[in-house]
């Protein structure tokens, strides 16, 4: 069995970025905290802080922290309604 070389990133530009599009919860019931951060437009550290304080819903599977896609979608929808968007109120 051979060891696989580990990829090292020399700059931030080389690192692939997670998609900013929120996936359908039926296809992807959970996403990583990093992907949730990209969708929300915040840094990875801010996303982990929000998970820690309960602002972003999460669940732990083994050592992994995952964000339920349906709950994130409803959180974003509730936030949109709270600010009067999509309700016809200007």
PDB file of N, CA and C in Angstrom:
ATOM      1  N   UNK A   1       0.848  -1.166   0.000  1.00  0.00           N
ATOM      2  CA  UNK A   1       0.000   0.000   0.000  1.00  0.00           C
ATOM      3  C   UNK A   1       0.898   1.235   0.000  1.00  0.00           C
ATOM      4  N   UNK A   2       0.649   2.137  -0.907  1.00  0.00           N
ATOM      5  CA  UNK A   2       1.450   3.346  -0.988  1.00  0.00           C
ATOM      6  C   UNK A   2       0.742   4.497  -0.296  1.00  0.00           C
ATOM      7  N   UNK A   3       1.533   5.403   0.241  1.00  0.00           N
ATOM      8  CA  UNK A   3       0.964   6.584   0.876  1.00  0.00           C
ATOM      9  C   UNK A   3       0.644   7.621  -0.183  1.00  0.00           C
ATOM     10  N   UNK A   4      -0.473   8.289   0.004  1.00  0.00           N
ATOM     11  CA  UNK A   4      -0.837   9.355  -0.917  1.00  0.00           C
ATOM     12  C   UNK A   4      -0.209  10.655  -0.442  1.00  0.00           C
ATOM     13  N   UNK A   5       0.270  11.419  -1.383  1.00  0.00           N
ATOM     14  CA  UNK A   5       0.846  12.716  -1.040  1.00  0.00           C
ATOM     15  C   UNK A   5      -0.261  13.658  -0.578  1.00  0.00           C
ATOM     16  N   UNK A   6       0.022  14.395   0.443  1.00  0.00           N
ATOM     17  CA  UNK A   6      -0.949  15.349   0.962  1.00  0.00           C
ATOM     18  C   UNK A   6      -0.798  16.674   0.226  1.00  0.00           C
ATOM     19  N   UNK A   7      -1.915  17.231  -0.206  1.00  0.00           N
ATOM     20  CA  UNK A   7      -1.895  18.480  -0.950  1.00  0.00           C
ATOM     21  C   UNK A   7      -1.689  19.641   0.013  1.00  0.00           C
ATOM     22  N   UNK A   8      -0.713  20.472  -0.271  1.00  0.00           N
ATOM     23  CA  UNK A   8      -0.504  21.680   0.525  1.00  0.00           C
ATOM     24  C   UNK A   8      -0.820  22.887  -0.334  1.00  0.00           C
ATOM     25  N   UNK A   9      -1.436  23.879   0.273  1.00  0.00           N
ATOM     26  CA  UNK A   9      -1.827  25.086  -0.435  1.00  0.00           C
ATOM     27  C   UNK A   9      -0.848  26.188  -0.070  1.00  0.00           C
ATOM     28  N   UNK A  10      -0.311  26.842  -1.087  1.00  0.00           N
ATOM     29  CA  UNK A  10       0.678  27.882  -0.848  1.00  0.00           C
ATOM     30  C   UNK A  10       0.062  29.270  -0.788  1.00  0.00           C
ATOM     31  N   UNK A  11      -1.117  29.415  -1.291  1.00  0.00           N
ATOM     32  CA  UNK A  11      -1.791  30.707  -1.194  1.00  0.00           C
ATOM     33  C   UNK A  11      -3.296  30.477  -1.162  1.00  0.00           C
ATOM     34  N   UNK A  12      -3.981  31.483  -0.696  1.00  0.00           N
ATOM     35  CA  UNK A  12      -5.445  31.401  -0.581  1.00  0.00           C
ATOM     36  C   UNK A  12      -6.111  31.261  -1.950  1.00  0.00           C
ATOM     37  N   UNK A  13      -5.486  31.822  -3.005  1.00  0.00           N
ATOM     38  CA  UNK A  13      -6.070  31.759  -4.344  1.00  0.00           C
ATOM     39  C   UNK A  13      -6.089  30.340  -4.897  1.00  0.00           C
ATOM     40  N   UNK A  14      -5.169  29.491  -4.478  1.00  0.00           N
ATOM     41  CA  UNK A  14      -5.084  28.128  -4.996  1.00  0.00           C
ATOM     42  C   UNK A  14      -6.116  27.199  -4.372  1.00  0.00           C
ATOM     43  N   UNK A  15      -6.554  27.529  -3.182  1.00  0.00           N
ATOM     44  CA  UNK A  15      -7.479  26.660  -2.454  1.00  0.00           C
ATOM     45  C   UNK A  15      -8.861  26.714  -3.085  1.00  0.00           C
ATOM     46  N   UNK A  16      -9.448  25.549  -3.407  1.00  0.00           N
ATOM     47  CA  UNK A  16     -10.803  25.574  -3.967  1.00  0.00           C
ATOM     48  C   UNK A  16     -11.798  26.077  -2.924  1.00  0.00           C
ATOM     49  N   UNK A  17     -12.719  26.901  -3.343  1.00  0.00           N
ATOM     50  CA  UNK A  17     -13.718  27.468  -2.440  1.00  0.00           C
ATOM     51  C   UNK A  17     -15.013  26.666  -2.510  1.00  0.00           C
ATOM     52  N   UNK A  18     -15.669  26.489  -1.358  1.00  0.00           N
ATOM     53  CA  UNK A  18     -16.968  25.815  -1.385  1.00  0.00           C
ATOM     54  C   UNK A  18     -17.986  26.649  -2.152  1.00  0.00           C
ATOM     55  N   UNK A  19     -18.959  25.981  -2.715  1.00  0.00           N
ATOM     56  CA  UNK A  19     -20.010  26.651  -3.474  1.00  0.00           C
ATOM     57  C   UNK A  19     -20.822  27.557  -2.561  1.00  0.00           C
ATOM     58  N   UNK A  20     -21.224  28.730  -3.076  1.00  0.00           N
ATOM     59  CA  UNK A  20     -22.046  29.658  -2.304  1.00  0.00           C
ATOM     60  C   UNK A  20     -23.529  29.388  -2.491  1.00  0.00           C
ATOM     61  N   UNK A  21     -23.872  28.413  -3.326  1.00  0.00           N
ATOM     62  CA  UNK A  21     -25.273  28.089  -3.579  1.00  0.00           C
ATOM     63  C   UNK A  21     -25.764  27.098  -2.522  1.00  0.00           C
ATOM     64  N   UNK A  22     -26.934  27.382  -1.965  1.00  0.00           N
ATOM     65  CA  UNK A  22     -27.519  26.497  -0.962  1.00  0.00           C
ATOM     66  C   UNK A  22     -28.100  25.268  -1.663  1.00  0.00           C
ATOM     67  N   UNK A  23     -27.606  24.062  -1.345  1.00  0.00           N
ATOM     68  CA  UNK A  23     -28.107  22.862  -2.017  1.00  0.00           C
ATOM     69  C   UNK A  23     -29.511  22.489  -1.546  1.00  0.00           C
ATOM     70  N   UNK A  24     -30.194  21.719  -2.349  1.00  0.00           N
ATOM     71  CA  UNK A  24     -31.525  21.227  -1.995  1.00  0.00           C
ATOM     72  C   UNK A  24     -31.373  20.237  -0.834  1.00  0.00           C
ATOM     73  N   UNK A  25     -32.191  20.415   0.195  1.00  0.00           N
ATOM     74  CA  UNK A  25     -32.073  19.563   1.384  1.00  0.00           C
ATOM     75  C   UNK A  25     -32.422  18.101   1.097  1.00  0.00           C
ATOM     76  N   UNK A  26     -33.129  17.821   0.001  1.00  0.00           N
ATOM     77  CA  UNK A  26     -33.442  16.427  -0.328  1.00  0.00           C
ATOM     78  C   UNK A  26     -32.226  15.718  -0.903  1.00  0.00           C
ATOM     79  N   UNK A  27     -31.384  16.457  -1.621  1.00  0.00           N
ATOM     80  CA  UNK A  27     -30.171  15.868  -2.193  1.00  0.00           C
ATOM     81  C   UNK A  27     -29.014  15.859  -1.202  1.00  0.00           C
ATOM     82  N   UNK A  28     -28.915  16.911  -0.399  1.00  0.00           N
ATOM     83  CA  UNK A  28     -27.835  17.054   0.582  1.00  0.00           C
ATOM     84  C   UNK A  28     -28.451  17.448   1.918  1.00  0.00           C
ATOM     85  N   UNK A  29     -28.799  16.471   2.753  1.00  0.00           N
ATOM     86  CA  UNK A  29     -29.464  16.791   4.014  1.00  0.00           C
ATOM     87  C   UNK A  29     -28.587  17.596   4.975  1.00  0.00           C
ATOM     88  N   UNK A  30     -27.275  17.479   4.848  1.00  0.00           N
ATOM     89  CA  UNK A  30     -26.369  18.257   5.691  1.00  0.00           C
ATOM     90  C   UNK A  30     -25.235  18.813   4.843  1.00  0.00           C
ATOM     91  N   UNK A  31     -24.627  19.892   5.347  1.00  0.00           N
ATOM     92  CA  UNK A  31     -23.446  20.468   4.710  1.00  0.00           C
ATOM     93  C   UNK A  31     -22.416  20.754   5.793  1.00  0.00           C
ATOM     94  N   UNK A  32     -21.193  20.962   5.376  1.00  0.00           N
ATOM     95  CA  UNK A  32     -20.134  21.272   6.337  1.00  0.00           C
ATOM     96  C   UNK A  32     -20.287  22.706   6.840  1.00  0.00           C
ATOM     97  N   UNK A  33     -19.655  22.991   7.955  1.00  0.00           N
ATOM     98  CA  UNK A  33     -19.673  24.350   8.493  1.00  0.00           C
ATOM     99  C   UNK A  33     -18.967  25.294   7.512  1.00  0.00           C
ATOM    100  N   UNK A  34     -17.906  24.806   6.857  1.00  0.00           N
ATOM    101  CA  UNK A  34     -17.189  25.625   5.880  1.00  0.00           C
ATOM    102  C   UNK A  34     -18.104  26.023   4.717  1.00  0.00           C
ATOM    103  N   UNK A  35     -18.914  25.078   4.251  1.00  0.00           N
ATOM    104  CA  UNK A  35     -19.833  25.385   3.144  1.00  0.00           C
ATOM    105  C   UNK A  35     -20.927  26.346   3.606  1.00  0.00           C
ATOM    106  N   UNK A  36     -21.412  26.164   4.820  1.00  0.00           N
ATOM    107  CA  UNK A  36     -22.408  27.095   5.368  1.00  0.00           C
ATOM    108  C   UNK A  36     -21.810  28.499   5.463  1.00  0.00           C
ATOM    109  N   UNK A  37     -20.546  28.584   5.858  1.00  0.00           N
ATOM    110  CA  UNK A  37     -19.871  29.883   5.933  1.00  0.00           C
ATOM    111  C   UNK A  37     -19.819  30.543   4.562  1.00  0.00           C
ATOM    112  N   UNK A  38     -19.483  29.769   3.535  1.00  0.00           N
ATOM    113  CA  UNK A  38     -19.413  30.313   2.173  1.00  0.00           C
ATOM    114  C   UNK A  38     -20.791  30.794   1.714  1.00  0.00           C
ATOM    115  N   UNK A  39     -21.830  30.032   2.020  1.00  0.00           N
ATOM    116  CA  UNK A  39     -23.193  30.408   1.629  1.00  0.00           C
ATOM    117  C   UNK A  39     -23.617  31.692   2.331  1.00  0.00           C
ATOM    118  N   UNK A  40     -23.262  31.814   3.602  1.00  0.00           N
ATOM    119  CA  UNK A  40     -23.644  32.985   4.379  1.00  0.00           C
ATOM    120  C   UNK A  40     -22.739  34.183   4.135  1.00  0.00           C
ATOM    121  N   UNK A  41     -21.594  33.935   3.498  1.00  0.00           N
ATOM    122  CA  UNK A  41     -20.663  35.030   3.222  1.00  0.00           C
ATOM    123  C   UNK A  41     -19.884  35.486   4.433  1.00  0.00           C
ATOM    124  N   UNK A  42     -19.605  34.550   5.342  1.00  0.00           N
ATOM    125  CA  UNK A  42     -18.810  34.857   6.532  1.00  0.00           C
ATOM    126  C   UNK A  42     -17.576  33.966   6.550  1.00  0.00           C
ATOM    127  N   UNK A  43     -16.634  34.301   7.405  1.00  0.00           N
ATOM    128  CA  UNK A  43     -15.421  33.495   7.494  1.00  0.00           C
ATOM    129  C   UNK A  43     -15.706  32.171   8.199  1.00  0.00           C
ATOM    130  N   UNK A  44     -14.787  31.257   8.033  1.00  0.00           N
ATOM    131  CA  UNK A  44     -14.900  29.944   8.672  1.00  0.00           C
ATOM    132  C   UNK A  44     -14.960  30.086  10.194  1.00  0.00           C
ATOM    133  N   UNK A  45     -14.125  30.950  10.743  1.00  0.00           N
ATOM    134  CA  UNK A  45     -14.098  31.165  12.193  1.00  0.00           C
ATOM    135  C   UNK A  45     -15.396  31.726  12.731  1.00  0.00           C
ATOM    136  N   UNK A  46     -15.974  32.684  11.999  1.00  0.00           N
ATOM    137  CA  UNK A  46     -17.258  33.264  12.404  1.00  0.00           C
ATOM    138  C   UNK A  46     -18.348  32.196  12.369  1.00  0.00           C
ATOM    139  N   UNK A  47     -18.309  31.328  11.355  1.00  0.00           N
ATOM    140  CA  UNK A  47     -19.308  30.263  11.247  1.00  0.00           C
ATOM    141  C   UNK A  47     -19.187  29.285  12.421  1.00  0.00           C
ATOM    142  N   UNK A  48     -17.962  28.906  12.768  1.00  0.00           N
ATOM    143  CA  UNK A  48     -17.786  27.997  13.912  1.00  0.00           C
ATOM    144  C   UNK A  48     -18.229  28.665  15.217  1.00  0.00           C
ATOM    145  N   UNK A  49     -17.979  29.967  15.372  1.00  0.00           N
ATOM    146  CA  UNK A  49     -18.461  30.679  16.560  1.00  0.00           C
ATOM    147  C   UNK A  49     -19.988  30.671  16.607  1.00  0.00           C
ATOM    148  N   UNK A  50     -20.623  30.876  15.441  1.00  0.00           N
ATOM    149  CA  UNK A  50     -22.089  30.871  15.379  1.00  0.00           C
ATOM    150  C   UNK A  50     -22.655  29.486  15.681  1.00  0.00           C
ATOM    151  N   UNK A  51     -21.968  28.439  15.256  1.00  0.00           N
ATOM    152  CA  UNK A  51     -22.389  27.079  15.597  1.00  0.00           C
ATOM    153  C   UNK A  51     -22.249  26.876  17.109  1.00  0.00           C
ATOM    154  N   UNK A  52     -21.141  27.332  17.649  1.00  0.00           N
ATOM    155  CA  UNK A  52     -20.879  27.165  19.086  1.00  0.00           C
ATOM    156  C   UNK A  52     -21.936  27.870  19.938  1.00  0.00           C
ATOM    157  N   UNK A  53     -22.373  29.077  19.513  1.00  0.00           N
ATOM    158  CA  UNK A  53     -23.356  29.796  20.332  1.00  0.00           C
ATOM    159  C   UNK A  53     -24.802  29.510  19.924  1.00  0.00           C
ATOM    160  N   UNK A  54     -25.004  28.640  18.921  1.00  0.00           N
ATOM    161  CA  UNK A  54     -26.345  28.203  18.554  1.00  0.00           C
ATOM    162  C   UNK A  54     -27.033  29.035  17.484  1.00  0.00           C
ATOM    163  N   UNK A  55     -26.371  30.048  16.955  1.00  0.00           N
ATOM    164  CA  UNK A  55     -26.968  30.875  15.913  1.00  0.00           C
ATOM    165  C   UNK A  55     -27.167  30.078  14.624  1.00  0.00           C
ATOM    166  N   UNK A  56     -26.189  29.253  14.284  1.00  0.00           N
ATOM    167  CA  UNK A  56     -26.308  28.341  13.142  1.00  0.00           C
ATOM    168  C   UNK A  56     -26.620  26.967  13.702  1.00  0.00           C
ATOM    169  N   UNK A  57     -27.732  26.341  13.282  1.00  0.00           N
ATOM    170  CA  UNK A  57     -28.072  25.004  13.786  1.00  0.00           C
ATOM    171  C   UNK A  57     -27.047  23.979  13.322  1.00  0.00           C
ATOM    172  N   UNK A  58     -26.748  23.030  14.175  1.00  0.00           N
ATOM    173  CA  UNK A  58     -25.747  22.020  13.813  1.00  0.00           C
ATOM    174  C   UNK A  58     -26.017  20.722  14.549  1.00  0.00           C
ATOM    175  N   UNK A  59     -25.367  19.681  14.075  1.00  0.00           N
ATOM    176  CA  UNK A  59     -25.378  18.402  14.773  1.00  0.00           C
ATOM    177  C   UNK A  59     -24.001  17.781  14.647  1.00  0.00           C
ATOM    178  N   UNK A  60     -23.645  16.989  15.620  1.00  0.00           N
ATOM    179  CA  UNK A  60     -22.336  16.355  15.628  1.00  0.00           C
ATOM    180  C   UNK A  60     -22.504  14.890  15.262  1.00  0.00           C
ATOM    181  N   UNK A  61     -21.718  14.459  14.276  1.00  0.00           N
ATOM    182  CA  UNK A  61     -21.677  13.053  13.870  1.00  0.00           C
ATOM    183  C   UNK A  61     -20.231  12.625  14.042  1.00  0.00           C
ATOM    184  N   UNK A  62     -19.987  11.860  15.092  1.00  0.00           N
ATOM    185  CA  UNK A  62     -18.602  11.521  15.421  1.00  0.00           C
ATOM    186  C   UNK A  62     -17.856  12.785  15.785  1.00  0.00           C
ATOM    187  N   UNK A  63     -16.791  13.074  15.047  1.00  0.00           N
ATOM    188  CA  UNK A  63     -16.020  14.295  15.291  1.00  0.00           C
ATOM    189  C   UNK A  63     -16.431  15.449  14.383  1.00  0.00           C
ATOM    190  N   UNK A  64     -17.321  15.162  13.432  1.00  0.00           N
ATOM    191  CA  UNK A  64     -17.718  16.183  12.452  1.00  0.00           C
ATOM    192  C   UNK A  64     -18.893  17.010  12.937  1.00  0.00           C
ATOM    193  N   UNK A  65     -18.838  18.294  12.650  1.00  0.00           N
ATOM    194  CA  UNK A  65     -19.973  19.184  12.875  1.00  0.00           C
ATOM    195  C   UNK A  65     -20.637  19.408  11.529  1.00  0.00           C
ATOM    196  N   UNK A  66     -21.935  19.156  11.460  1.00  0.00           N
ATOM    197  CA  UNK A  66     -22.676  19.312  10.212  1.00  0.00           C
ATOM    198  C   UNK A  66     -23.847  20.264  10.424  1.00  0.00           C
ATOM    199  N   UNK A  67     -24.206  20.968   9.367  1.00  0.00           N
ATOM    200  CA  UNK A  67     -25.320  21.910   9.412  1.00  0.00           C
ATOM    201  C   UNK A  67     -26.466  21.311   8.607  1.00  0.00           C
ATOM    202  N   UNK A  68     -27.630  21.079   9.233  1.00  0.00           N
ATOM    203  CA  UNK A  68     -28.788  20.559   8.497  1.00  0.00           C
ATOM    204  C   UNK A  68     -29.258  21.597   7.467  1.00  0.00           C
ATOM    205  N   UNK A  69     -29.292  21.199   6.212  1.00  0.00           N
ATOM    206  CA  UNK A  69     -29.616  22.109   5.123  1.00  0.00           C
ATOM    207  C   UNK A  69     -31.032  22.663   5.251  1.00  0.00           C
ATOM    208  N   UNK A  70     -31.993  21.833   5.622  1.00  0.00           N
ATOM    209  CA  UNK A  70     -33.385  22.297   5.745  1.00  0.00           C
ATOM    210  C   UNK A  70     -33.499  23.361   6.831  1.00  0.00           C
ATOM    211  N   UNK A  71     -32.825  23.175   7.949  1.00  0.00           N
ATOM    212  CA  UNK A  71     -32.903  24.160   9.042  1.00  0.00           C
ATOM    213  C   UNK A  71     -32.202  25.452   8.668  1.00  0.00           C
ATOM    214  N   UNK A  72     -31.085  25.358   7.923  1.00  0.00           N
ATOM    215  CA  UNK A  72     -30.404  26.568   7.467  1.00  0.00           C
ATOM    216  C   UNK A  72     -31.287  27.331   6.480  1.00  0.00           C
ATOM    217  N   UNK A  73     -31.956  26.597   5.591  1.00  0.00           N
ATOM    218  CA  UNK A  73     -32.867  27.222   4.630  1.00  0.00           C
ATOM    219  C   UNK A  73     -34.001  27.938   5.356  1.00  0.00           C
ATOM    220  N   UNK A  74     -34.604  27.283   6.350  1.00  0.00           N
ATOM    221  CA  UNK A  74     -35.715  27.917   7.078  1.00  0.00           C
ATOM    222  C   UNK A  74     -35.218  29.096   7.904  1.00  0.00           C
ATOM    223  N   UNK A  75     -34.004  29.020   8.433  1.00  0.00           N
ATOM    224  CA  UNK A  75     -33.418  30.128   9.174  1.00  0.00           C
ATOM    225  C   UNK A  75     -33.247  31.336   8.262  1.00  0.00           C
ATOM    226  N   UNK A  76     -32.743  31.108   7.055  1.00  0.00           N
ATOM    227  CA  UNK A  76     -32.558  32.198   6.105  1.00  0.00           C
ATOM    228  C   UNK A  76     -33.893  32.755   5.638  1.00  0.00           C
ATOM    229  N   UNK A  77     -34.888  31.892   5.437  1.00  0.00           N
ATOM    230  CA  UNK A  77     -36.216  32.350   5.021  1.00  0.00           C
ATOM    231  C   UNK A  77     -36.862  33.180   6.124  1.00  0.00           C
ATOM    232  N   UNK A  78     -36.726  32.766   7.367  1.00  0.00           N
ATOM    233  CA  UNK A  78     -37.296  33.508   8.494  1.00  0.00           C
ATOM    234  C   UNK A  78     -36.623  34.863   8.624  1.00  0.00           C
ATOM    235  N   UNK A  79     -35.324  34.904   8.383  1.00  0.00           N
ATOM    236  CA  UNK A  79     -34.584  36.156   8.457  1.00  0.00           C
ATOM    237  C   UNK A  79     -35.036  37.113   7.365  1.00  0.00           C
ATOM    238  N   UNK A  80     -35.322  36.585   6.182  1.00  0.00           N
ATOM    239  CA  UNK A  80     -35.791  37.408   5.069  1.00  0.00           C
ATOM    240  C   UNK A  80     -37.157  38.008   5.382  1.00  0.00           C
ATOM    241  N   UNK A  81     -38.050  37.202   5.946  1.00  0.00           N
ATOM    242  CA  UNK A  81     -39.380  37.680   6.305  1.00  0.00           C
ATOM    243  C   UNK A  81     -39.283  38.706   7.426  1.00  0.00           C
ATOM    244  N   UNK A  82     -38.390  38.501   8.373  1.00  0.00           N
ATOM    245  CA  UNK A  82     -38.235  39.428   9.493  1.00  0.00           C
ATOM    246  C   UNK A  82     -37.834  40.819   9.021  1.00  0.00           C
ATOM    247  N   UNK A  83     -37.115  40.907   7.903  1.00  0.00           N
ATOM    248  CA  UNK A  83     -36.698  42.192   7.381  1.00  0.00           C
ATOM    249  C   UNK A  83     -37.656  42.758   6.342  1.00  0.00           C
ATOM    250  N   UNK A  84     -38.821  42.109   6.155  1.00  0.00           N
ATOM    251  CA  UNK A  84     -39.845  42.629   5.263  1.00  0.00           C
ATOM    252  C   UNK A  84     -39.634  42.303   3.808  1.00  0.00           C
ATOM    253  N   UNK A  85     -38.659  41.458   3.477  1.00  0.00           N
ATOM    254  CA  UNK A  85     -38.434  41.091   2.082  1.00  0.00           C
ATOM    255  C   UNK A  85     -39.369  39.944   1.724  1.00  0.00           C
ATOM    256  N   UNK A  86     -39.899  39.993   0.524  1.00  0.00           N
ATOM    257  CA  UNK A  86     -40.757  38.920   0.045  1.00  0.00           C
ATOM    258  C   UNK A  86     -42.146  38.939   0.639  1.00  0.00           C
ATOM    259  N   UNK A  87     -42.487  39.977   1.408  1.00  0.00           N
ATOM    260  CA  UNK A  87     -43.816  40.037   2.002  1.00  0.00           C
ATOM    261  C   UNK A  87     -44.671  41.108   1.366  1.00  0.00           C
ATOM    262  N   UNK A  88     -44.099  41.847   0.412  1.00  0.00           N
ATOM    263  CA  UNK A  88     -44.834  42.916  -0.234  1.00  0.00           C
ATOM    264  C   UNK A  88     -44.750  44.220   0.527  1.00  0.00           C
ATOM    265  N   UNK A  89     -44.115  44.218   1.689  1.00  0.00           N
ATOM    266  CA  UNK A  89     -43.947  45.426   2.483  1.00  0.00           C
ATOM    267  C   UNK A  89     -42.675  46.131   2.037  1.00  0.00           C
ATOM    268  N   UNK A  90     -42.744  47.412   1.813  1.00  0.00           N
ATOM    269  CA  UNK A  90     -41.574  48.179   1.384  1.00  0.00           C
ATOM    270  C   UNK A  90     -41.204  49.182   2.434  1.00  0.00           C
TER     271      UNK A  90
END
